Protein backbone atom coordinates (compact mmCIF):
# COMPACT_ATOMS: atom_id res chain seq x y z
CA MET A 1 -0.05 0.06 0.04
CA LYS A 2 1.24 3.51 -0.65
CA ILE A 3 0.28 6.36 1.72
CA ARG A 4 1.30 9.99 2.19
CA SER A 5 0.34 12.93 4.14
CA ALA A 6 -0.57 16.48 2.49
CA LYS A 7 -2.00 19.88 3.90
CA SER A 8 -4.81 20.11 1.78
CA ALA A 9 -7.60 17.78 0.36
CA ALA A 10 -8.32 17.25 -3.41
CA PRO A 11 -11.40 18.78 -4.95
CA LYS A 12 -12.38 15.40 -6.10
CA SER A 13 -12.01 12.06 -4.96
CA GLU A 14 -13.48 8.48 -5.39
CA LEU A 15 -13.96 8.33 -1.69
CA THR A 16 -13.12 10.46 0.98
CA VAL A 17 -13.17 9.37 4.66
CA VAL A 18 -13.34 11.49 7.56
CA PHE A 19 -13.37 10.81 11.40
CA ALA A 20 -16.56 11.75 13.45
CA VAL A 21 -16.30 12.54 16.97
CA ASP A 22 -19.32 12.06 19.13
CA GLY A 23 -21.02 15.19 20.55
CA GLU A 24 -18.62 17.53 18.79
CA ALA A 25 -19.15 19.91 16.00
CA SER A 26 -17.09 19.09 12.87
CA SER A 27 -14.34 21.12 12.09
CA LEU A 28 -14.40 20.28 8.52
CA LYS A 29 -14.55 22.70 5.70
CA GLY A 30 -16.58 23.32 2.62
CA PRO A 31 -18.76 20.54 1.12
CA LEU A 32 -17.25 18.14 3.37
CA HIS A 33 -18.76 20.06 6.34
CA ALA A 34 -21.91 20.57 4.49
CA ALA A 35 -22.46 16.74 3.95
CA PHE A 36 -21.22 16.01 7.56
CA ALA A 37 -23.69 18.50 9.12
CA ALA A 38 -26.51 17.08 6.77
CA ALA A 39 -25.94 13.59 7.83
CA LYS A 40 -25.71 14.41 11.49
CA LYS A 41 -29.09 16.43 11.15
CA THR A 42 -30.96 13.69 9.82
CA GLY A 43 -29.62 11.20 12.26
CA ASP A 44 -27.75 9.04 9.52
CA LEU A 45 -24.30 9.61 10.96
CA LYS A 46 -23.28 6.81 13.26
CA THR A 47 -21.22 7.92 16.29
CA ASP A 48 -20.39 5.06 18.31
CA ALA A 49 -16.79 4.17 18.32
CA ARG A 50 -15.33 2.53 15.17
CA THR A 51 -18.87 2.58 13.54
CA GLN A 52 -18.98 3.71 9.94
CA SER A 53 -21.29 5.41 7.40
CA VAL A 54 -21.10 6.20 3.86
CA PHE A 55 -23.00 8.91 2.02
CA HIS A 56 -23.14 10.40 -1.30
CA PRO A 57 -22.93 14.19 -1.18
CA ALA A 58 -24.40 16.61 -3.99
CA LYS A 59 -21.04 18.56 -4.02
CA GLY A 60 -17.45 17.43 -3.17
CA PRO A 61 -16.09 13.63 -3.27
CA ASP A 62 -18.09 11.06 -5.20
CA ARG A 63 -18.77 9.27 -1.80
CA MET A 64 -17.87 10.54 1.81
CA GLY A 65 -17.16 7.69 4.35
CA CYS A 66 -17.36 8.67 8.01
CA VAL A 67 -15.51 6.32 10.86
CA SER A 68 -16.60 7.40 14.43
CA LEU A 69 -13.95 7.69 17.00
CA GLY A 70 -16.70 7.92 19.77
CA LYS A 71 -16.20 10.60 22.55
CA SER A 72 -13.20 13.09 22.52
CA LYS A 73 -12.02 12.05 25.65
CA ASP A 74 -11.50 8.34 24.74
CA ILE A 75 -9.53 9.19 21.69
CA ASP A 76 -6.10 7.73 22.00
CA THR A 77 -3.44 6.29 19.49
CA GLU A 78 -4.78 3.00 19.64
CA ARG A 79 -8.39 4.23 18.53
CA LEU A 80 -6.78 6.27 15.62
CA ARG A 81 -4.86 3.44 14.67
CA ARG A 82 -7.99 1.02 14.48
CA CYS A 83 -10.00 3.69 12.99
CA ALA A 84 -7.45 4.23 10.21
CA ALA A 85 -7.43 0.47 9.41
CA ILE A 86 -11.21 0.57 9.18
CA ALA A 87 -11.10 3.52 6.82
CA GLN A 88 -8.78 1.43 4.61
CA ALA A 89 -11.05 -1.76 4.65
CA MET A 90 -13.86 0.67 3.92
CA ALA A 91 -12.11 1.94 0.72
CA GLU A 92 -11.11 -1.68 -0.27
CA ASP A 93 -14.77 -2.88 0.10
CA ARG A 94 -15.98 -0.19 -1.90
CA LEU A 95 -13.70 -1.11 -4.61
CA VAL A 96 -12.05 2.32 -5.11
CA ARG A 97 -8.34 2.29 -6.13
CA SER A 98 -7.33 5.44 -4.04
CA PHE A 99 -8.86 7.39 -1.40
CA GLU A 100 -8.35 10.34 1.00
CA LEU A 101 -8.64 10.46 4.72
CA VAL A 102 -9.26 14.01 5.86
CA LEU A 103 -8.82 15.08 9.70
CA GLY A 104 -10.34 18.05 11.34
CA LYS A 105 -8.53 19.21 14.46
CA ASP A 106 -11.16 17.60 16.50
CA ALA A 107 -10.32 14.10 15.08
CA LEU A 108 -6.96 14.23 17.10
CA GLY A 109 -8.68 14.47 20.44
CA SER A 110 -5.85 15.26 22.97
CA VAL A 111 -3.38 13.10 21.27
CA ALA A 112 -0.13 15.14 20.18
CA ALA A 113 0.07 15.72 16.59
CA GLU A 114 3.19 13.59 16.02
CA ALA A 115 1.99 10.53 17.91
CA ALA A 116 -1.39 11.01 15.99
CA GLY A 117 0.42 10.77 12.70
CA ALA A 118 2.31 7.62 13.43
CA ALA A 119 -0.68 5.92 14.70
CA ILE A 120 -2.63 6.65 11.55
CA ALA A 121 0.17 5.53 9.18
CA GLU A 122 0.27 2.42 11.21
CA GLY A 123 -3.23 1.78 11.05
CA LEU A 124 -3.34 2.13 7.29
CA LEU A 125 -0.35 -0.23 6.56
CA LEU A 126 -1.08 -2.81 9.26
CA GLY A 127 -4.64 -3.01 8.61
CA ALA A 128 -4.01 -3.35 4.60
CA TYR A 129 -1.57 -6.32 5.37
CA ARG A 130 -2.34 -9.42 3.92
CA TYR A 131 -0.10 -12.65 3.65
CA GLN A 132 0.07 -13.90 0.32
CA PRO A 133 0.76 -17.68 0.71
CA PRO A 134 2.09 -19.71 -2.36
CA LYS A 135 -0.98 -20.96 -4.56
CA LYS A 136 -1.37 -21.98 -8.07
CA ASP A 137 -3.07 -18.64 -9.27
CA ALA A 138 -1.50 -15.42 -8.60
CA PRO A 139 -3.30 -13.03 -6.24
CA LYS A 140 -5.86 -10.62 -7.72
CA PRO A 141 -4.89 -6.88 -7.64
CA ARG A 142 -6.44 -5.41 -4.56
CA LYS A 143 -8.33 -1.99 -4.18
CA GLY A 144 -7.91 0.87 -1.57
CA GLN A 145 -4.15 0.40 -1.64
CA GLU A 146 -3.48 4.20 -2.06
CA CYS A 147 -4.31 6.72 0.41
CA VAL A 148 -3.52 10.49 1.04
CA VAL A 149 -3.84 11.58 4.58
CA VAL A 150 -4.97 15.50 5.17
CA LEU A 151 -4.91 17.18 8.41
CA LEU A 152 -6.48 20.33 7.90
CA ASP A 153 -5.48 22.34 11.13
CA GLY A 154 -2.79 21.80 13.80
CA ASP A 155 0.84 21.26 13.61
CA HIS A 156 1.23 19.79 10.29
CA ALA A 157 4.98 19.29 10.59
CA ALA A 158 4.85 17.34 13.69
CA PHE A 159 1.98 15.32 12.24
CA ALA A 160 4.05 14.67 8.98
CA ARG A 161 7.25 13.47 11.09
CA GLY A 162 5.11 11.18 13.06
CA PHE A 163 3.48 9.95 9.83
CA ALA A 164 6.81 9.24 8.28
CA ARG A 165 7.84 7.47 11.46
CA GLY A 166 4.80 5.14 11.50
CA GLU A 167 5.18 4.32 7.85
CA ILE A 168 8.63 2.98 8.57
CA GLY A 169 7.63 1.11 11.67
CA ALA A 170 4.44 -0.31 10.01
CA LEU A 171 6.40 -1.45 6.91
CA ALA A 172 9.09 -3.07 9.02
CA THR A 173 6.27 -4.95 11.09
CA ASN A 174 4.79 -6.23 7.76
CA TYR A 175 8.08 -7.38 6.73
CA ALA A 176 8.54 -9.39 9.96
CA ARG A 177 4.93 -10.66 9.55
CA ASP A 178 5.67 -12.07 6.07
CA LEU A 179 8.71 -14.08 7.45
CA GLU A 180 6.92 -15.27 10.65
CA ASN A 181 3.63 -16.57 8.57
CA MET A 182 5.88 -18.63 6.17
CA ALA A 183 5.67 -22.39 6.72
CA GLY A 184 8.55 -24.19 8.54
CA ASN A 185 9.85 -25.78 5.18
CA LEU A 186 9.90 -22.38 3.47
CA CYS A 187 11.49 -20.30 6.22
CA THR A 188 14.53 -22.35 7.47
CA PRO A 189 17.70 -20.98 9.42
CA THR A 190 19.30 -20.42 6.02
CA VAL A 191 16.37 -18.52 4.62
CA LEU A 192 16.45 -16.10 7.77
CA ALA A 193 20.14 -15.62 7.08
CA ASN A 194 19.52 -14.86 3.36
CA ALA A 195 16.81 -12.40 4.63
CA ALA A 196 19.44 -10.69 7.05
CA LYS A 197 21.87 -10.48 4.04
CA LYS A 198 19.36 -8.64 1.99
CA LEU A 199 19.34 -5.96 4.58
CA VAL A 200 23.04 -4.97 4.38
CA GLY A 201 23.42 -1.30 3.14
CA SER A 202 22.60 2.33 4.54
CA GLY A 203 24.40 1.29 7.71
CA VAL A 204 23.47 -2.18 8.23
CA ARG A 205 26.22 -4.79 8.48
CA VAL A 206 25.62 -8.77 8.68
CA LYS A 207 27.44 -11.75 9.27
CA VAL A 208 26.37 -15.38 9.39
CA LEU A 209 28.22 -18.05 11.46
CA ASP A 210 27.81 -21.71 10.12
CA THR A 211 27.95 -24.86 12.22
CA ALA A 212 31.72 -25.13 11.78
CA ALA A 213 32.24 -21.53 13.11
CA MET A 214 29.87 -22.23 16.07
CA THR A 215 31.80 -25.37 16.94
CA ARG A 216 35.00 -23.43 16.99
CA LEU A 217 33.31 -21.21 19.44
CA LYS A 218 32.19 -23.94 21.64
CA MET A 219 28.33 -23.04 21.22
CA GLY A 220 27.42 -26.35 22.60
CA ALA A 221 23.95 -25.51 23.87
CA MET A 222 22.60 -24.11 20.43
CA LEU A 223 24.36 -27.08 18.46
CA GLY A 224 22.67 -29.51 20.94
CA VAL A 225 19.33 -28.24 19.78
CA ALA A 226 20.03 -28.19 16.26
CA LYS A 227 21.42 -31.76 16.16
CA GLY A 228 17.94 -33.41 15.43
CA SER A 229 17.50 -31.46 11.99
CA SER A 230 18.81 -32.02 8.76
CA GLU A 231 18.55 -28.15 8.34
CA ALA A 232 21.88 -26.65 9.46
CA PRO A 233 21.77 -23.80 12.00
CA LYS A 234 22.73 -20.32 11.63
CA PHE A 235 24.07 -17.69 13.97
CA ILE A 236 23.42 -14.19 12.55
CA ALA A 237 24.83 -11.10 13.84
CA LEU A 238 23.44 -7.62 12.37
CA GLU A 239 24.92 -4.33 13.30
CA PHE A 240 23.70 -0.67 12.86
CA GLY A 241 25.83 2.54 13.98
CA PRO A 242 29.36 3.22 14.38
CA ALA A 243 31.66 0.11 15.18
CA SER A 244 33.61 2.64 17.32
CA ALA A 245 30.75 3.79 19.36
CA LYS A 246 31.40 3.79 23.13
CA GLU A 247 27.98 2.23 23.98
CA THR A 248 26.37 -0.98 22.31
CA VAL A 249 22.89 -2.62 23.06
CA CYS A 250 22.31 -5.94 21.95
CA ILE A 251 18.90 -7.13 20.71
CA ILE A 252 18.62 -10.79 20.51
CA GLY A 253 15.96 -13.09 18.89
CA LYS A 254 15.15 -16.82 19.27
CA GLY A 255 14.92 -18.14 15.80
CA LEU A 256 13.48 -21.59 15.90
CA THR A 257 12.07 -22.00 12.54
CA PHE A 258 10.25 -25.04 13.42
CA ASP A 259 9.81 -26.57 17.04
CA SER A 260 8.73 -30.16 17.27
CA GLY A 261 9.80 -30.39 20.77
CA GLY A 262 12.49 -32.99 20.08
CA ILE A 263 12.54 -36.18 21.92
CA SER A 264 10.04 -34.42 24.50
CA ILE A 265 7.72 -34.17 21.51
CA LYS A 266 4.80 -31.76 21.37
CA PRO A 267 1.17 -32.73 21.12
CA ALA A 268 0.10 -33.00 17.46
CA SER A 269 -2.76 -30.42 17.72
CA LYS A 270 -1.62 -27.02 16.65
CA MET A 271 2.03 -28.14 16.19
CA ASP A 272 2.01 -26.45 13.02
CA GLU A 273 1.88 -23.27 14.79
CA MET A 274 5.47 -23.87 15.55
CA ARG A 275 6.36 -21.89 12.35
CA TYR A 276 5.89 -19.11 14.68
CA ASP A 277 8.68 -19.86 17.09
CA MET A 278 11.05 -17.63 15.22
CA CYS A 279 9.02 -14.55 16.06
CA GLY A 280 11.81 -13.14 18.23
CA ALA A 281 13.94 -13.29 15.37
CA GLY A 282 11.26 -11.85 13.10
CA ALA A 283 11.16 -8.89 15.30
CA VAL A 284 15.02 -8.59 15.25
CA LEU A 285 14.83 -8.35 11.42
CA GLY A 286 12.16 -6.19 11.42
CA LEU A 287 13.75 -3.77 13.48
CA PHE A 288 16.95 -3.80 11.22
CA HIS A 289 14.51 -3.41 8.17
CA ALA A 290 13.19 -0.06 9.92
CA LEU A 291 16.80 1.18 11.03
CA LYS A 292 17.83 0.61 7.32
CA HIS A 293 15.09 2.92 6.21
CA GLY A 294 15.71 5.72 8.61
CA ALA A 295 13.85 4.79 11.75
CA ILE A 296 16.22 6.61 14.00
CA ALA A 297 17.53 9.13 11.43
CA GLY A 298 18.28 12.39 13.35
CA SER A 299 18.42 10.72 16.62
CA LYS A 300 21.29 12.19 18.81
CA SER A 301 22.27 8.69 19.84
CA LYS A 302 25.58 7.32 19.01
CA ARG A 303 25.05 3.91 20.11
CA ARG A 304 25.92 0.70 18.21
CA ILE A 305 22.73 -1.43 17.88
CA VAL A 306 23.38 -5.08 17.38
CA GLY A 307 20.86 -7.75 16.59
CA LEU A 308 21.61 -11.34 17.26
CA ILE A 309 19.67 -14.22 15.97
CA ALA A 310 19.99 -17.92 16.82
CA ALA A 311 18.38 -19.86 14.11
CA ALA A 312 17.75 -23.60 14.29
CA GLU A 313 15.13 -26.19 14.09
CA ASN A 314 14.36 -28.62 16.93
CA MET A 315 13.22 -32.07 15.32
CA VAL A 316 13.39 -35.57 16.13
CA GLY A 317 16.13 -37.44 14.26
CA PRO A 318 18.90 -39.91 14.88
CA GLU A 319 21.18 -37.36 16.17
CA ALA A 320 18.72 -35.36 18.45
CA GLN A 321 19.68 -34.83 21.94
CA LYS A 322 17.98 -36.85 24.59
CA PRO A 323 16.39 -35.82 27.93
CA GLY A 324 19.17 -35.99 30.62
CA ASP A 325 21.96 -35.19 28.05
CA VAL A 326 24.55 -32.65 29.35
CA VAL A 327 25.83 -29.78 27.17
CA ARG A 328 28.37 -26.98 27.68
CA ALA A 329 27.43 -23.56 26.51
CA MET A 330 29.86 -21.15 25.04
CA ASP A 331 30.74 -19.34 28.42
CA GLY A 332 31.48 -22.66 29.87
CA HIS A 333 28.22 -23.46 31.91
CA THR A 334 27.13 -26.99 31.77
CA ILE A 335 23.45 -27.79 31.27
CA GLU A 336 21.59 -30.70 31.90
CA VAL A 337 18.66 -30.90 29.24
CA LEU A 338 15.86 -32.46 31.35
CA ASN A 339 13.30 -31.32 28.58
CA THR A 340 14.17 -31.05 25.03
CA ASP A 341 11.21 -28.86 24.20
CA ALA A 342 12.87 -26.07 26.49
CA GLU A 343 15.14 -25.38 23.69
CA GLY A 344 14.83 -21.58 23.30
CA ARG A 345 16.76 -20.96 26.41
CA LEU A 346 19.48 -23.08 25.18
CA VAL A 347 20.03 -21.23 21.90
CA LEU A 348 19.46 -17.86 23.74
CA CYS A 349 22.04 -18.49 26.37
CA ASP A 350 24.97 -19.06 23.59
CA ALA A 351 23.57 -15.88 21.98
CA ILE A 352 24.07 -14.05 25.32
CA ALA A 353 27.50 -15.31 25.83
CA TYR A 354 28.34 -14.49 22.20
CA ALA A 355 27.27 -10.80 22.84
CA LYS A 356 28.96 -10.48 26.04
CA LYS A 357 32.14 -11.90 24.56
CA PHE A 358 32.36 -9.97 21.24
CA TYR A 359 30.35 -6.78 22.05
CA ALA A 360 30.46 -6.08 25.75
CA PRO A 361 27.07 -4.44 25.45
CA LYS A 362 25.84 -1.85 27.81
CA GLN A 363 22.45 -3.44 27.59
CA ILE A 364 20.92 -6.79 26.40
CA VAL A 365 17.30 -7.23 25.36
CA ASP A 366 16.03 -10.75 24.28
CA LEU A 367 12.88 -11.71 22.76
CA ALA A 368 11.32 -14.94 22.56
CA THR A 369 8.23 -17.08 22.22
CA LEU A 370 9.62 -19.05 25.14
CA THR A 371 6.92 -20.35 27.26
CA GLY A 372 3.24 -21.25 27.07
CA ALA A 373 3.09 -20.44 30.69
CA VAL A 374 3.13 -16.69 29.75
CA VAL A 375 -0.17 -17.36 27.70
CA VAL A 376 -1.75 -18.85 30.97
CA ALA A 377 -0.41 -15.97 33.02
CA LEU A 378 -1.18 -13.13 30.63
CA GLY A 379 -3.09 -14.20 27.64
CA HIS A 380 -2.66 -12.96 24.11
CA GLU A 381 -2.63 -9.12 24.52
CA VAL A 382 0.30 -8.64 26.88
CA ALA A 383 3.90 -9.80 26.84
CA GLY A 384 6.01 -10.67 29.81
CA VAL A 385 8.98 -8.77 30.94
CA LEU A 386 11.59 -9.88 33.39
CA GLY A 387 15.34 -8.92 34.09
CA ASN A 388 17.95 -7.69 36.29
CA ASP A 389 17.84 -3.80 35.65
CA GLN A 390 14.72 -2.01 36.43
CA LYS A 391 15.79 1.25 34.81
CA LEU A 392 15.98 -0.96 31.56
CA ILE A 393 12.61 -2.64 32.19
CA ASP A 394 11.07 0.79 32.89
CA SER A 395 12.07 1.95 29.63
CA LEU A 396 10.67 -0.91 27.79
CA LEU A 397 7.46 -0.79 29.72
CA ALA A 398 7.26 2.88 28.63
CA ALA A 399 8.05 1.87 25.07
CA GLY A 400 5.27 -0.74 24.98
CA LYS A 401 2.90 1.65 26.24
CA ALA A 402 3.78 4.29 23.50
CA ALA A 403 3.62 1.47 20.61
CA ASP A 404 0.38 0.11 22.07
CA GLU A 405 2.07 -3.23 22.50
CA PRO A 406 1.74 -3.43 26.30
CA LEU A 407 4.13 -5.45 28.61
CA TRP A 408 3.59 -6.68 32.15
CA GLN A 409 6.63 -7.35 34.45
CA LEU A 410 6.97 -10.65 36.36
CA PRO A 411 9.14 -11.28 39.31
CA LEU A 412 12.71 -12.70 39.05
CA TRP A 413 14.06 -13.42 42.60
CA ASP A 414 17.06 -15.43 43.74
CA VAL A 415 14.86 -18.36 44.70
CA HIS A 416 13.76 -18.64 41.07
CA LYS A 417 17.38 -18.83 40.17
CA GLU A 418 18.19 -21.60 42.92
CA GLN A 419 15.38 -23.64 41.10
CA MET A 420 17.55 -24.10 38.01
CA LYS A 421 20.51 -25.64 39.73
CA SER A 422 21.32 -29.18 38.74
CA LYS A 423 22.68 -32.34 40.40
CA PHE A 424 24.38 -33.45 37.26
CA ALA A 425 25.44 -30.06 35.71
CA ASP A 426 25.90 -26.60 36.61
CA LEU A 427 22.25 -25.87 35.64
CA ALA A 428 19.13 -27.65 34.24
CA ASN A 429 17.12 -26.02 31.43
CA ILE A 430 13.75 -26.46 33.47
CA ASN A 431 12.79 -26.16 37.01
CA ALA A 432 11.50 -29.59 37.43
CA GLY A 433 7.80 -29.39 38.40
CA GLN A 434 8.40 -25.93 40.54
CA GLY A 435 5.93 -24.08 38.43
CA GLY A 436 6.19 -20.46 37.16
CA GLY A 437 7.50 -21.75 33.91
CA THR A 438 7.90 -18.27 32.36
CA ILE A 439 9.81 -17.13 35.28
CA ALA A 440 12.12 -20.21 35.14
CA GLY A 441 13.06 -19.31 31.64
CA ALA A 442 14.29 -16.09 32.61
CA ALA A 443 15.96 -17.42 35.79
CA PHE A 444 17.98 -19.83 33.48
CA LEU A 445 19.18 -16.96 31.29
CA SER A 446 20.09 -14.74 34.22
CA PHE A 447 23.13 -16.97 34.67
CA PHE A 448 24.62 -16.24 31.50
CA VAL A 449 24.13 -12.47 31.71
CA GLY A 450 25.52 -11.73 34.67
CA ASP A 451 25.94 -8.14 35.73
CA THR A 452 25.13 -6.68 32.36
CA PRO A 453 21.69 -4.89 32.55
CA TRP A 454 19.33 -7.32 30.76
CA ALA A 455 15.70 -7.65 30.17
CA HIS A 456 13.75 -10.73 28.66
CA LEU A 457 10.60 -10.46 26.73
CA ASP A 458 8.61 -13.55 26.58
CA ILE A 459 6.24 -12.84 23.40
CA ALA A 460 4.78 -16.34 23.22
CA GLY A 461 1.38 -14.88 23.67
CA THR A 462 1.58 -11.82 21.64
CA ALA A 463 3.42 -13.09 18.56
CA TRP A 464 0.23 -14.76 17.11
CA GLY A 465 -3.15 -15.79 18.36
CA GLY A 466 -4.56 -12.51 19.74
CA ILE A 467 -8.19 -11.15 18.95
CA SER A 468 -8.68 -9.45 15.74
CA LYS A 469 -8.21 -5.75 16.20
CA ASP A 470 -8.92 -4.08 12.84
CA TYR A 471 -5.07 -3.68 11.96
CA TYR A 472 -4.43 -7.36 13.11
CA ARG A 473 -6.59 -10.19 11.76
CA SER A 474 -4.97 -13.47 12.25
CA GLY A 475 -1.46 -15.33 11.86
CA ALA A 476 1.66 -13.46 12.95
CA SER A 477 1.10 -10.04 14.51
CA GLY A 478 4.63 -8.78 13.93
CA THR A 479 4.81 -7.81 17.80
CA ALA A 480 7.59 -5.92 19.54
CA VAL A 481 9.04 -4.26 16.11
CA ARG A 482 7.44 -0.90 17.12
CA THR A 483 8.08 -1.50 20.79
CA LEU A 484 11.93 -1.92 19.95
CA LEU A 485 11.93 1.19 18.01
CA ALA A 486 10.43 3.24 20.72
CA PHE A 487 12.60 1.89 23.04
CA LEU A 488 15.91 2.83 20.81
CA ARG A 489 14.48 6.23 20.07
CA ASP A 490 13.93 7.05 23.79
């Protein structure tokens, strides 16, 4: 979809969509104001939040669509995002090629112009997203794929800045969604590595380690997970920003392109959804897609941003590791693998060790579809966050709030870490029936982080399976790309 912002509306369009505010006089002008006022007078204008109406004015556009924002006090970025997605769907349903979205000053409520611009751009692009699966016939061209957004009054410069920022973030999220929605045989570790290589340029640098390189580095935890698969694992390192930077932040993504559970095999029902076990990696790649396209251009930050992806398959094969096996991680910790389906933390611990050895980061953030327990605790609309540095966690909580991708902090105490000790190795990869599975995963990782400020995001609930919300329908949500961008801009 193509979108742009403008300061004035065109004299004629196939469809002009406006936002209506319940109980407020319209700040629209000319024929749009007249049509809006007439519809309101006759009672044909629906004013409940997210309802829509279509009219055929005597003057102005061929058709005028209205999407209601509800009451002014209830307008926030999430409502603007959802209503922008509804406007796009309205245009597509009416089979128009292009449309205008015209906003009076009342349509922003108390939302700052820059934040409103970002939310509206996101709503249009995220709402228009459709995954194109491989099929015999080519997809038919879609309607409603061009939009001009006009802010009639207000801070046009701030609105345009936000609009450009929202466009970059939404396109990056859709890029992540495309990778995450691919079937496991179509998105292998090699495919992820090749996708990363295609991001090289405009400040992005990429390095990919193969099995031999990981063996030399003694990444036994990650290689143990990959042993059961015929697909070779890949360790992917992306960099953005000056290599000589005094500060480095590492963003680490779990990249299990398919997870059968290994010998501790998963139930057959919904195992196909384990294509989504690489959504942490998808978020990292989406982040670097945005960085390449100028997401933090103009930022005063001189940090180096590093993305690390541990990509592998967890399969049942003749070489697969067994429950009770002991492996040695890159930093020397030995690990008793009590459950081969607790594999995400095994690839992440080697990624954390790699980050500390080669980048000495000031901060580490990892993202992983790590535990089903986080879905039990928080459902599909909130991701869990844990860590060892409250300031970093607070920054991520604020970023999630700004992106409308909420996070909820869970505790991580010494008692949880004690539960990860093993009789047969330094650590076990599960806490053997002590409960608190999400906390246990973070407790395990904490041994590899040490004193480095670190936060762990468990996105197993938010990565897919959430309720439809206009700009998300089903499949991969592309979660955390916009949160990471908000965090890095802070």
